[in-house]
Amino acid sequence: MAIPRFSKVWRAFSTAIRQEWRNSVLEKLARTKKLLVPLNVIRQEWVTDGNWASHVNLVARHYGIYQHLFGGVEFLPKVDMTIEYGCRRVHAGNHVAPIECKDPPIITYDSNSLSDGGGRNNSWWTLLMSNPDGNACESDAEMLHWLVYNIPRNRVSDGTVYCPYLTPLPARGTGFHRIVFILFRQREKMDLPQKIMKALHDRTFVTRDFWNERKAILQPAGLHFLQASWDESVSDAFADLGIAEPTYVIQEPKTVRQKKRERLRRVHTNRYRDINT
């Protein structure tokens, strides 16, 4: 899908705005603060026109999702997932607090939006939830939060759980963490070796390797992600896991004046020691 040129989009937008300005009914409603914007209709048009795929692709590239999870390989999402934590919906990089993510989200998608080479609808899917910023054991790996495979159509609860759900754990002082949801289309059912997830280091994961080993079976089809930062629920989650909560403190670089003071202090200290020897 080709991304439209900005100039064409801007011209179309400007034309639409000028037409709406001439609408006296809308102008009166806006001036009296009674104008209602049908967000559901706008989103449906956004999805139907296919603009959502290019927008999600652009945002994911900006946030380094493709670079850190797929080694720079990009794909254009074909399936629009709806990911909801209660009343909070995951879009493309919006902030969701960890306290809102204690339970697995409700994920829905149209399993009929893709078909295999024979024209038949795909029946099997894999859902991956990963954090490329949360692995404290290996810098080039991710923390796996959730992995369900062999999902029949869009019934996530009926899939096989490889890794049980774990709430986001952005440690104190580490800023925002990207929590990425990837939906893969399976060309056939697959088997994964069972792995016991007792400790956090057992959740060390590399999406790039997982996909490269199964390229013949898995095709990336959907992508969304949220951003989460520390709150008090993270401390409770670490306590429930029986793990001491890590805390990171940013060390500000020393100024030239501070370095000079330390150097002079060392010089005077050495002179004092020489006098008393």
C-alpha atoms as a PDB file:
ATOM      1  CA  MET A   1       0.000   0.000   0.000  1.00  0.00           C
ATOM      2  CA  ALA A   2       1.500   3.297  -1.073  1.00  0.00           C
ATOM      3  CA  ILE A   3       1.529   6.148   1.413  1.00  0.00           C
ATOM      4  CA  PRO A   4      -0.066   9.271  -0.163  1.00  0.00           C
ATOM      5  CA  ARG A   5       2.102  12.331  -0.609  1.00  0.00           C
ATOM      6  CA  PHE A   6       1.728  14.936   2.090  1.00  0.00           C
ATOM      7  CA  SER A   7       0.895  17.684  -0.424  1.00  0.00           C
ATOM      8  CA  LYS A   8      -2.086  15.740  -1.788  1.00  0.00           C
ATOM      9  CA  VAL A   9      -3.360  14.962   1.701  1.00  0.00           C
ATOM     10  CA  TRP A  10      -3.010  18.598   2.733  1.00  0.00           C
ATOM     11  CA  ARG A  11      -4.865  19.859  -0.332  1.00  0.00           C
ATOM     12  CA  ALA A  12      -7.731  17.454   0.281  1.00  0.00           C
ATOM     13  CA  PHE A  13      -7.818  18.426   3.953  1.00  0.00           C
ATOM     14  CA  SER A  14      -7.816  22.154   3.163  1.00  0.00           C
ATOM     15  CA  THR A  15     -10.649  21.733   0.653  1.00  0.00           C
ATOM     16  CA  ALA A  16     -12.754  19.818   3.159  1.00  0.00           C
ATOM     17  CA  ILE A  17     -12.129  22.443   5.850  1.00  0.00           C
ATOM     18  CA  ARG A  18     -13.164  25.309   3.536  1.00  0.00           C
ATOM     19  CA  GLN A  19     -16.389  23.483   2.673  1.00  0.00           C
ATOM     20  CA  GLU A  20     -17.221  22.954   6.345  1.00  0.00           C
ATOM     21  CA  TRP A  21     -16.566  26.630   7.109  1.00  0.00           C
ATOM     22  CA  ARG A  22     -19.360  27.552   4.700  1.00  0.00           C
ATOM     23  CA  ASN A  23     -21.815  25.324   6.591  1.00  0.00           C
ATOM     24  CA  SER A  24     -23.764  27.714   8.814  1.00  0.00           C
ATOM     25  CA  VAL A  25     -25.411  24.898  10.797  1.00  0.00           C
ATOM     26  CA  LEU A  26     -22.103  23.349  11.820  1.00  0.00           C
ATOM     27  CA  GLU A  27     -20.661  26.785  12.561  1.00  0.00           C
ATOM     28  CA  LYS A  28     -23.513  27.570  14.970  1.00  0.00           C
ATOM     29  CA  LEU A  29     -23.238  24.209  16.722  1.00  0.00           C
ATOM     30  CA  ALA A  30     -19.471  24.663  17.131  1.00  0.00           C
ATOM     31  CA  ARG A  31     -19.858  28.223  18.431  1.00  0.00           C
ATOM     32  CA  THR A  32     -22.468  27.128  21.004  1.00  0.00           C
ATOM     33  CA  LYS A  33     -20.361  24.075  21.983  1.00  0.00           C
ATOM     34  CA  LYS A  34     -23.070  21.627  20.911  1.00  0.00           C
ATOM     35  CA  LEU A  35     -21.223  20.020  17.997  1.00  0.00           C
ATOM     36  CA  LEU A  36     -20.748  16.283  18.515  1.00  0.00           C
ATOM     37  CA  VAL A  37     -17.967  14.472  16.663  1.00  0.00           C
ATOM     38  CA  PRO A  38     -18.894  10.847  15.765  1.00  0.00           C
ATOM     39  CA  LEU A  39     -15.572   9.218  16.634  1.00  0.00           C
ATOM     40  CA  ASN A  40     -16.833   5.701  15.889  1.00  0.00           C
ATOM     41  CA  VAL A  41     -17.827   6.738  12.367  1.00  0.00           C
ATOM     42  CA  ILE A  42     -14.507   8.500  11.803  1.00  0.00           C
ATOM     43  CA  ARG A  43     -12.570   5.452  12.991  1.00  0.00           C
ATOM     44  CA  GLN A  44     -14.615   3.170  10.743  1.00  0.00           C
ATOM     45  CA  GLU A  45     -13.831   5.376   7.738  1.00  0.00           C
ATOM     46  CA  TRP A  46     -10.154   5.430   8.764  1.00  0.00           C
ATOM     47  CA  VAL A  47     -10.061   1.636   8.876  1.00  0.00           C
ATOM     48  CA  THR A  48     -12.158   1.100   5.735  1.00  0.00           C
ATOM     49  CA  ASP A  49     -10.006   3.445   3.628  1.00  0.00           C
ATOM     50  CA  GLY A  50      -6.853   1.609   4.726  1.00  0.00           C
ATOM     51  CA  ASN A  51      -5.199   4.740   6.121  1.00  0.00           C
ATOM     52  CA  TRP A  52      -4.789   3.131   9.539  1.00  0.00           C
ATOM     53  CA  ALA A  53      -2.171   0.686   8.191  1.00  0.00           C
ATOM     54  CA  SER A  54       0.140   3.408   6.883  1.00  0.00           C
ATOM     55  CA  HIS A  55      -0.326   5.453  10.069  1.00  0.00           C
ATOM     56  CA  VAL A  56       0.506   2.515  12.353  1.00  0.00           C
ATOM     57  CA  ASN A  57       3.497   1.655  10.147  1.00  0.00           C
ATOM     58  CA  LEU A  58       4.792   5.223  10.356  1.00  0.00           C
ATOM     59  CA  VAL A  59       4.417   5.445  14.148  1.00  0.00           C
ATOM     60  CA  ALA A  60       5.980   2.004  14.695  1.00  0.00           C
ATOM     61  CA  ARG A  61       8.966   3.015  12.573  1.00  0.00           C
ATOM     62  CA  HIS A  62       9.340   6.262  14.531  1.00  0.00           C
ATOM     63  CA  TYR A  63       9.371   4.405  17.856  1.00  0.00           C
ATOM     64  CA  GLY A  64      11.864   1.803  16.637  1.00  0.00           C
ATOM     65  CA  ILE A  65       9.480  -1.151  16.848  1.00  0.00           C
ATOM     66  CA  TYR A  66      10.675  -2.725  13.604  1.00  0.00           C
ATOM     67  CA  GLN A  67      14.332  -2.108  14.411  1.00  0.00           C
ATOM     68  CA  HIS A  68      14.243  -3.593  17.903  1.00  0.00           C
ATOM     69  CA  LEU A  69      11.858  -6.509  17.288  1.00  0.00           C
ATOM     70  CA  PHE A  70      12.458  -7.472  13.651  1.00  0.00           C
ATOM     71  CA  GLY A  71      15.993  -6.231  13.019  1.00  0.00           C
ATOM     72  CA  GLY A  72      14.776  -3.437  10.738  1.00  0.00           C
ATOM     73  CA  VAL A  73      12.423  -5.576   8.631  1.00  0.00           C
ATOM     74  CA  GLU A  74       9.123  -3.731   8.178  1.00  0.00           C
ATOM     75  CA  PHE A  75       5.657  -4.939   7.293  1.00  0.00           C
ATOM     76  CA  LEU A  76       2.383  -3.180   6.633  1.00  0.00           C
ATOM     77  CA  PRO A  77      -0.340  -4.323   9.056  1.00  0.00           C
ATOM     78  CA  LYS A  78      -3.219  -6.020   7.298  1.00  0.00           C
ATOM     79  CA  VAL A  79      -5.431  -6.826  10.287  1.00  0.00           C
ATOM     80  CA  ASP A  80      -6.665  -4.131  12.656  1.00  0.00           C
ATOM     81  CA  MET A  81      -6.738  -5.434  16.225  1.00  0.00           C
ATOM     82  CA  THR A  82      -8.912  -3.943  18.937  1.00  0.00           C
ATOM     83  CA  ILE A  83      -7.066  -4.212  22.265  1.00  0.00           C
ATOM     84  CA  GLU A  84      -8.991  -3.092  25.315  1.00  0.00           C
ATOM     85  CA  TYR A  85      -7.996  -2.987  28.986  1.00  0.00           C
ATOM     86  CA  GLY A  86     -11.403  -2.320  30.476  1.00  0.00           C
ATOM     87  CA  CYS A  87     -12.405   1.066  29.100  1.00  0.00           C
ATOM     88  CA  ARG A  88      -8.870   1.866  27.876  1.00  0.00           C
ATOM     89  CA  ARG A  89      -8.058   1.020  24.264  1.00  0.00           C
ATOM     90  CA  VAL A  90      -4.543   0.470  22.928  1.00  0.00           C
ATOM     91  CA  HIS A  91      -3.844   2.475  19.779  1.00  0.00           C
ATOM     92  CA  ALA A  92      -0.348   3.199  18.513  1.00  0.00           C
ATOM     93  CA  GLY A  93       1.863   4.289  21.362  1.00  0.00           C
ATOM     94  CA  ASN A  94      -0.690   5.790  23.757  1.00  0.00           C
ATOM     95  CA  HIS A  95       0.053   5.666  27.487  1.00  0.00           C
ATOM     96  CA  VAL A  96      -1.681   3.044  29.604  1.00  0.00           C
ATOM     97  CA  ALA A  97      -0.840   2.759  33.307  1.00  0.00           C
ATOM     98  CA  PRO A  98       0.338  -0.658  34.586  1.00  0.00           C
ATOM     99  CA  ILE A  99      -2.430  -0.621  37.192  1.00  0.00           C
ATOM    100  CA  GLU A 100      -4.888  -0.793  34.284  1.00  0.00           C
ATOM    101  CA  CYS A 101      -3.069  -3.778  32.755  1.00  0.00           C
ATOM    102  CA  LYS A 102      -3.278  -6.262  35.617  1.00  0.00           C
ATOM    103  CA  ASP A 103      -5.588  -8.596  33.699  1.00  0.00           C
ATOM    104  CA  PRO A 104      -5.197  -9.768  30.091  1.00  0.00           C
ATOM    105  CA  PRO A 105      -6.822  -7.428  27.584  1.00  0.00           C
ATOM    106  CA  ILE A 106      -9.783  -8.280  25.422  1.00  0.00           C
ATOM    107  CA  ILE A 107      -8.496  -8.601  21.859  1.00  0.00           C
ATOM    108  CA  THR A 108     -10.739  -8.791  18.828  1.00  0.00           C
ATOM    109  CA  TYR A 109      -9.977  -8.778  15.107  1.00  0.00           C
ATOM    110  CA  ASP A 110     -11.506  -9.855  11.830  1.00  0.00           C
ATOM    111  CA  SER A 111     -10.097 -13.300  11.089  1.00  0.00           C
ATOM    112  CA  ASN A 112     -11.697 -13.186   7.624  1.00  0.00           C
ATOM    113  CA  SER A 113      -9.621 -10.187   6.500  1.00  0.00           C
ATOM    114  CA  LEU A 114      -6.867 -12.457   5.163  1.00  0.00           C
ATOM    115  CA  SER A 115      -7.070 -15.587   3.059  1.00  0.00           C
ATOM    116  CA  ASP A 116      -4.499 -18.125   2.025  1.00  0.00           C
ATOM    117  CA  GLY A 117      -3.383 -18.873  -1.501  1.00  0.00           C
ATOM    118  CA  GLY A 118      -6.364 -21.102  -2.104  1.00  0.00           C
ATOM    119  CA  GLY A 119      -8.850 -18.377  -1.261  1.00  0.00           C
ATOM    120  CA  ARG A 120      -9.771 -19.982   2.083  1.00  0.00           C
ATOM    121  CA  ASN A 121      -9.937 -17.962   5.282  1.00  0.00           C
ATOM    122  CA  ASN A 122      -7.068 -18.535   7.685  1.00  0.00           C
ATOM    123  CA  SER A 123      -8.081 -20.389  10.796  1.00  0.00           C
ATOM    124  CA  TRP A 124      -4.961 -20.204  12.984  1.00  0.00           C
ATOM    125  CA  TRP A 125      -3.265 -17.197  14.553  1.00  0.00           C
ATOM    126  CA  THR A 126      -0.499 -16.369  17.031  1.00  0.00           C
ATOM    127  CA  LEU A 127      -0.626 -13.455  19.474  1.00  0.00           C
ATOM    128  CA  LEU A 128       2.591 -12.065  20.929  1.00  0.00           C
ATOM    129  CA  MET A 129       3.016  -9.425  23.661  1.00  0.00           C
ATOM    130  CA  SER A 130       6.600  -8.330  24.239  1.00  0.00           C
ATOM    131  CA  ASN A 131       8.562  -5.552  25.932  1.00  0.00           C
ATOM    132  CA  PRO A 132      11.805  -4.582  24.147  1.00  0.00           C
ATOM    133  CA  ASP A 133      12.716  -2.219  27.018  1.00  0.00           C
ATOM    134  CA  GLY A 134      12.146  -4.476  30.009  1.00  0.00           C
ATOM    135  CA  ASN A 135      14.795  -7.207  29.974  1.00  0.00           C
ATOM    136  CA  ALA A 136      17.309  -6.454  32.743  1.00  0.00           C
ATOM    137  CA  CYS A 137      19.282  -9.660  32.120  1.00  0.00           C
ATOM    138  CA  GLU A 138      20.177  -9.266  28.426  1.00  0.00           C
ATOM    139  CA  SER A 139      20.404  -5.924  26.662  1.00  0.00           C
ATOM    140  CA  ASP A 140      19.664  -7.322  23.181  1.00  0.00           C
ATOM    141  CA  ALA A 141      16.618  -9.339  24.238  1.00  0.00           C
ATOM    142  CA  GLU A 142      13.033  -8.639  25.213  1.00  0.00           C
ATOM    143  CA  MET A 143      10.775  -9.663  28.055  1.00  0.00           C
ATOM    144  CA  LEU A 144       7.960 -11.903  26.906  1.00  0.00           C
ATOM    145  CA  HIS A 145       4.664 -10.980  28.573  1.00  0.00           C
ATOM    146  CA  TRP A 146       2.210 -13.173  26.694  1.00  0.00           C
ATOM    147  CA  LEU A 147       2.279 -15.689  23.853  1.00  0.00           C
ATOM    148  CA  VAL A 148      -0.726 -17.627  22.596  1.00  0.00           C
ATOM    149  CA  TYR A 149      -0.576 -19.743  19.430  1.00  0.00           C
ATOM    150  CA  ASN A 150      -2.912 -21.948  17.421  1.00  0.00           C
ATOM    151  CA  ILE A 151      -5.738 -19.462  18.020  1.00  0.00           C
ATOM    152  CA  PRO A 152      -8.801 -20.637  16.082  1.00  0.00           C
ATOM    153  CA  ARG A 153     -10.000 -17.655  14.052  1.00  0.00           C
ATOM    154  CA  ASN A 154     -10.383 -14.800  16.559  1.00  0.00           C
ATOM    155  CA  ARG A 155     -11.042 -16.830  19.718  1.00  0.00           C
ATOM    156  CA  VAL A 156      -7.936 -15.928  21.705  1.00  0.00           C
ATOM    157  CA  SER A 157      -9.164 -17.722  24.824  1.00  0.00           C
ATOM    158  CA  ASP A 158      -9.254 -21.017  22.875  1.00  0.00           C
ATOM    159  CA  GLY A 159      -5.604 -20.824  21.784  1.00  0.00           C
ATOM    160  CA  THR A 160      -2.659 -22.696  23.290  1.00  0.00           C
ATOM    161  CA  VAL A 161      -0.813 -20.656  25.903  1.00  0.00           C
ATOM    162  CA  TYR A 162       2.968 -20.838  25.534  1.00  0.00           C
ATOM    163  CA  CYS A 163       3.651 -18.012  27.990  1.00  0.00           C
ATOM    164  CA  PRO A 164       1.010 -16.910  30.523  1.00  0.00           C
ATOM    165  CA  TYR A 165       0.083 -13.244  30.767  1.00  0.00           C
ATOM    166  CA  LEU A 166       2.277 -10.954  32.857  1.00  0.00           C
ATOM    167  CA  THR A 167       1.415  -7.333  33.574  1.00  0.00           C
ATOM    168  CA  PRO A 168       3.896  -4.697  32.301  1.00  0.00           C
ATOM    169  CA  LEU A 169       6.770  -4.161  34.765  1.00  0.00           C
ATOM    170  CA  PRO A 170       8.479  -0.854  33.969  1.00  0.00           C
ATOM    171  CA  ALA A 171      10.983  -0.500  36.819  1.00  0.00           C
ATOM    172  CA  ARG A 172      11.207   2.756  38.720  1.00  0.00           C
ATOM    173  CA  GLY A 173      13.546   5.205  37.002  1.00  0.00           C
ATOM    174  CA  THR A 174      13.494   3.521  33.555  1.00  0.00           C
ATOM    175  CA  GLY A 175      10.950   5.817  31.932  1.00  0.00           C
ATOM    176  CA  PHE A 176       8.436   4.641  29.355  1.00  0.00           C
ATOM    177  CA  HIS A 177       8.432   1.030  28.164  1.00  0.00           C
ATOM    178  CA  ARG A 178       7.025  -0.041  24.801  1.00  0.00           C
ATOM    179  CA  ILE A 179       4.599  -2.945  25.181  1.00  0.00           C
ATOM    180  CA  VAL A 180       4.117  -4.367  21.690  1.00  0.00           C
ATOM    181  CA  PHE A 181       1.308  -6.628  20.458  1.00  0.00           C
ATOM    182  CA  ILE A 182       2.034  -8.603  17.286  1.00  0.00           C
ATOM    183  CA  LEU A 183      -0.557 -10.731  15.532  1.00  0.00           C
ATOM    184  CA  PHE A 184       0.793 -13.455  13.226  1.00  0.00           C
ATOM    185  CA  ARG A 185      -1.193 -15.356  10.650  1.00  0.00           C
ATOM    186  CA  GLN A 186      -0.412 -19.083  10.752  1.00  0.00           C
ATOM    187  CA  ARG A 187      -0.467 -21.004   7.496  1.00  0.00           C
ATOM    188  CA  GLU A 188      -0.954 -24.200   9.500  1.00  0.00           C
ATOM    189  CA  LYS A 189      -1.064 -25.436  13.071  1.00  0.00           C
ATOM    190  CA  MET A 190       2.301 -25.556  14.809  1.00  0.00           C
ATOM    191  CA  ASP A 191       3.896 -27.042  17.904  1.00  0.00           C
ATOM    192  CA  LEU A 192       6.101 -25.148  20.327  1.00  0.00           C
ATOM    193  CA  PRO A 193       8.287 -26.764  22.978  1.00  0.00           C
ATOM    194  CA  GLN A 194       6.799 -26.304  26.420  1.00  0.00           C
ATOM    195  CA  LYS A 195       8.761 -24.025  28.722  1.00  0.00           C
ATOM    196  CA  ILE A 196       8.156 -23.386  32.401  1.00  0.00           C
ATOM    197  CA  MET A 197       8.041 -19.657  33.190  1.00  0.00           C
ATOM    198  CA  LYS A 198       8.997 -19.539  36.869  1.00  0.00           C
ATOM    199  CA  ALA A 199      11.376 -16.569  36.907  1.00  0.00           C
ATOM    200  CA  LEU A 200      11.645 -13.388  34.873  1.00  0.00           C
ATOM    201  CA  HIS A 201      14.798 -14.580  33.120  1.00  0.00           C
ATOM    202  CA  ASP A 202      12.742 -17.483  31.751  1.00  0.00           C
ATOM    203  CA  ARG A 203      10.799 -14.883  29.802  1.00  0.00           C
ATOM    204  CA  THR A 204      13.848 -13.719  27.854  1.00  0.00           C
ATOM    205  CA  PHE A 205      12.709 -13.608  24.240  1.00  0.00           C
ATOM    206  CA  VAL A 206      13.851 -12.429  20.811  1.00  0.00           C
ATOM    207  CA  THR A 207      10.998 -11.837  18.371  1.00  0.00           C
ATOM    208  CA  ARG A 208      13.360 -11.708  15.401  1.00  0.00           C
ATOM    209  CA  ASP A 209      14.705 -15.212  16.091  1.00  0.00           C
ATOM    210  CA  PHE A 210      11.234 -16.592  16.837  1.00  0.00           C
ATOM    211  CA  TRP A 211       9.945 -15.315  13.496  1.00  0.00           C
ATOM    212  CA  ASN A 212      13.015 -16.260  11.426  1.00  0.00           C
ATOM    213  CA  GLU A 213      12.762 -19.869  12.602  1.00  0.00           C
ATOM    214  CA  ARG A 214       9.124 -20.043  11.504  1.00  0.00           C
ATOM    215  CA  LYS A 215       8.938 -17.797   8.451  1.00  0.00           C
ATOM    216  CA  ALA A 216       7.341 -20.565   6.424  1.00  0.00           C
ATOM    217  CA  ILE A 217       4.441 -20.720   8.888  1.00  0.00           C
ATOM    218  CA  LEU A 218       4.106 -17.248  10.410  1.00  0.00           C
ATOM    219  CA  GLN A 219       3.260 -14.023   8.607  1.00  0.00           C
ATOM    220  CA  PRO A 220       3.065 -10.735  10.588  1.00  0.00           C
ATOM    221  CA  ALA A 221      -0.448  -9.394  10.125  1.00  0.00           C
ATOM    222  CA  GLY A 222      -1.258  -6.950  12.941  1.00  0.00           C
ATOM    223  CA  LEU A 223       0.591  -4.528  15.192  1.00  0.00           C
ATOM    224  CA  HIS A 224      -0.276  -2.188  18.036  1.00  0.00           C
ATOM    225  CA  PHE A 225       1.656  -0.984  21.053  1.00  0.00           C
ATOM    226  CA  LEU A 226       1.257   1.024  24.219  1.00  0.00           C
ATOM    227  CA  GLN A 227       3.650   2.845  26.505  1.00  0.00           C
ATOM    228  CA  ALA A 228       3.747   2.205  30.251  1.00  0.00           C
ATOM    229  CA  SER A 229       5.705   3.845  33.065  1.00  0.00           C
ATOM    230  CA  TRP A 230       6.161   2.995  36.735  1.00  0.00           C
ATOM    231  CA  ASP A 231       3.353   3.288  39.232  1.00  0.00           C
ATOM    232  CA  GLU A 232       2.709   1.707  42.629  1.00  0.00           C
ATOM    233  CA  SER A 233       1.112  -1.384  41.109  1.00  0.00           C
ATOM    234  CA  VAL A 234       4.535  -2.336  39.682  1.00  0.00           C
ATOM    235  CA  SER A 235       5.912  -2.611  43.233  1.00  0.00           C
ATOM    236  CA  ASP A 236       2.972  -4.846  44.153  1.00  0.00           C
ATOM    237  CA  ALA A 237       3.585  -7.023  41.078  1.00  0.00           C
ATOM    238  CA  PHE A 238       7.248  -7.531  41.992  1.00  0.00           C
ATOM    239  CA  ALA A 239       6.208  -8.414  45.540  1.00  0.00           C
ATOM    240  CA  ASP A 240       3.701 -10.990  44.245  1.00  0.00           C
ATOM    241  CA  LEU A 241       6.482 -12.530  42.149  1.00  0.00           C
ATOM    242  CA  GLY A 242       8.751 -12.668  45.201  1.00  0.00           C
ATOM    243  CA  ILE A 243      11.378 -10.515  43.484  1.00  0.00           C
ATOM    244  CA  ALA A 244      13.156  -7.493  44.918  1.00  0.00           C
ATOM    245  CA  GLU A 245      12.067  -4.462  42.944  1.00  0.00           C
ATOM    246  CA  PRO A 246      14.943  -2.857  41.025  1.00  0.00           C
ATOM    247  CA  THR A 247      15.284   0.911  41.165  1.00  0.00           C
ATOM    248  CA  TYR A 248      17.324   2.955  38.724  1.00  0.00           C
ATOM    249  CA  VAL A 249      18.652   6.435  39.400  1.00  0.00           C
ATOM    250  CA  ILE A 250      19.899   8.700  36.646  1.00  0.00           C
ATOM    251  CA  GLN A 251      23.426   9.958  37.271  1.00  0.00           C
ATOM    252  CA  GLU A 252      23.756  13.438  35.902  1.00  0.00           C
ATOM    253  CA  PRO A 253      27.092  14.171  34.183  1.00  0.00           C
ATOM    254  CA  LYS A 254      29.417  16.359  36.205  1.00  0.00           C
ATOM    255  CA  THR A 255      29.906  19.927  35.111  1.00  0.00           C
ATOM    256  CA  VAL A 256      33.309  21.420  34.334  1.00  0.00           C
ATOM    257  CA  ARG A 257      33.191  23.347  37.607  1.00  0.00           C
ATOM    258  CA  GLN A 258      32.501  20.188  39.632  1.00  0.00           C
ATOM    259  CA  LYS A 259      35.374  18.352  37.953  1.00  0.00           C
ATOM    260  CA  LYS A 260      37.708  21.280  38.690  1.00  0.00           C
ATOM    261  CA  ARG A 261      36.702  21.309  42.357  1.00  0.00           C
ATOM    262  CA  GLU A 262      37.363  17.576  42.690  1.00  0.00           C
ATOM    263  CA  ARG A 263      40.751  17.942  41.021  1.00  0.00           C
ATOM    264  CA  LEU A 264      41.757  20.797  43.370  1.00  0.00           C
ATOM    265  CA  ARG A 265      40.539  18.804  46.369  1.00  0.00           C
ATOM    266  CA  ARG A 266      42.734  15.885  45.394  1.00  0.00           C
ATOM    267  CA  VAL A 267      45.745  18.218  44.905  1.00  0.00           C
ATOM    268  CA  HIS A 268      45.318  19.841  48.322  1.00  0.00           C
ATOM    269  CA  THR A 269      44.734  16.470  49.976  1.00  0.00           C
ATOM    270  CA  ASN A 270      47.972  15.081  48.503  1.00  0.00           C
ATOM    271  CA  ARG A 271      49.898  18.165  49.646  1.00  0.00           C
ATOM    272  CA  TYR A 272      48.563  17.754  53.183  1.00  0.00           C
ATOM    273  CA  ARG A 273      49.617  14.102  53.242  1.00  0.00           C
ATOM    274  CA  ASP A 274      53.085  15.019  52.000  1.00  0.00           C
ATOM    275  CA  ILE A 275      53.496  17.539  54.841  1.00  0.00           C
ATOM    276  CA  ASN A 276      52.696  14.943  57.495  1.00  0.00           C
ATOM    277  CA  THR A 277      54.968  12.220  56.142  1.00  0.00           C
END
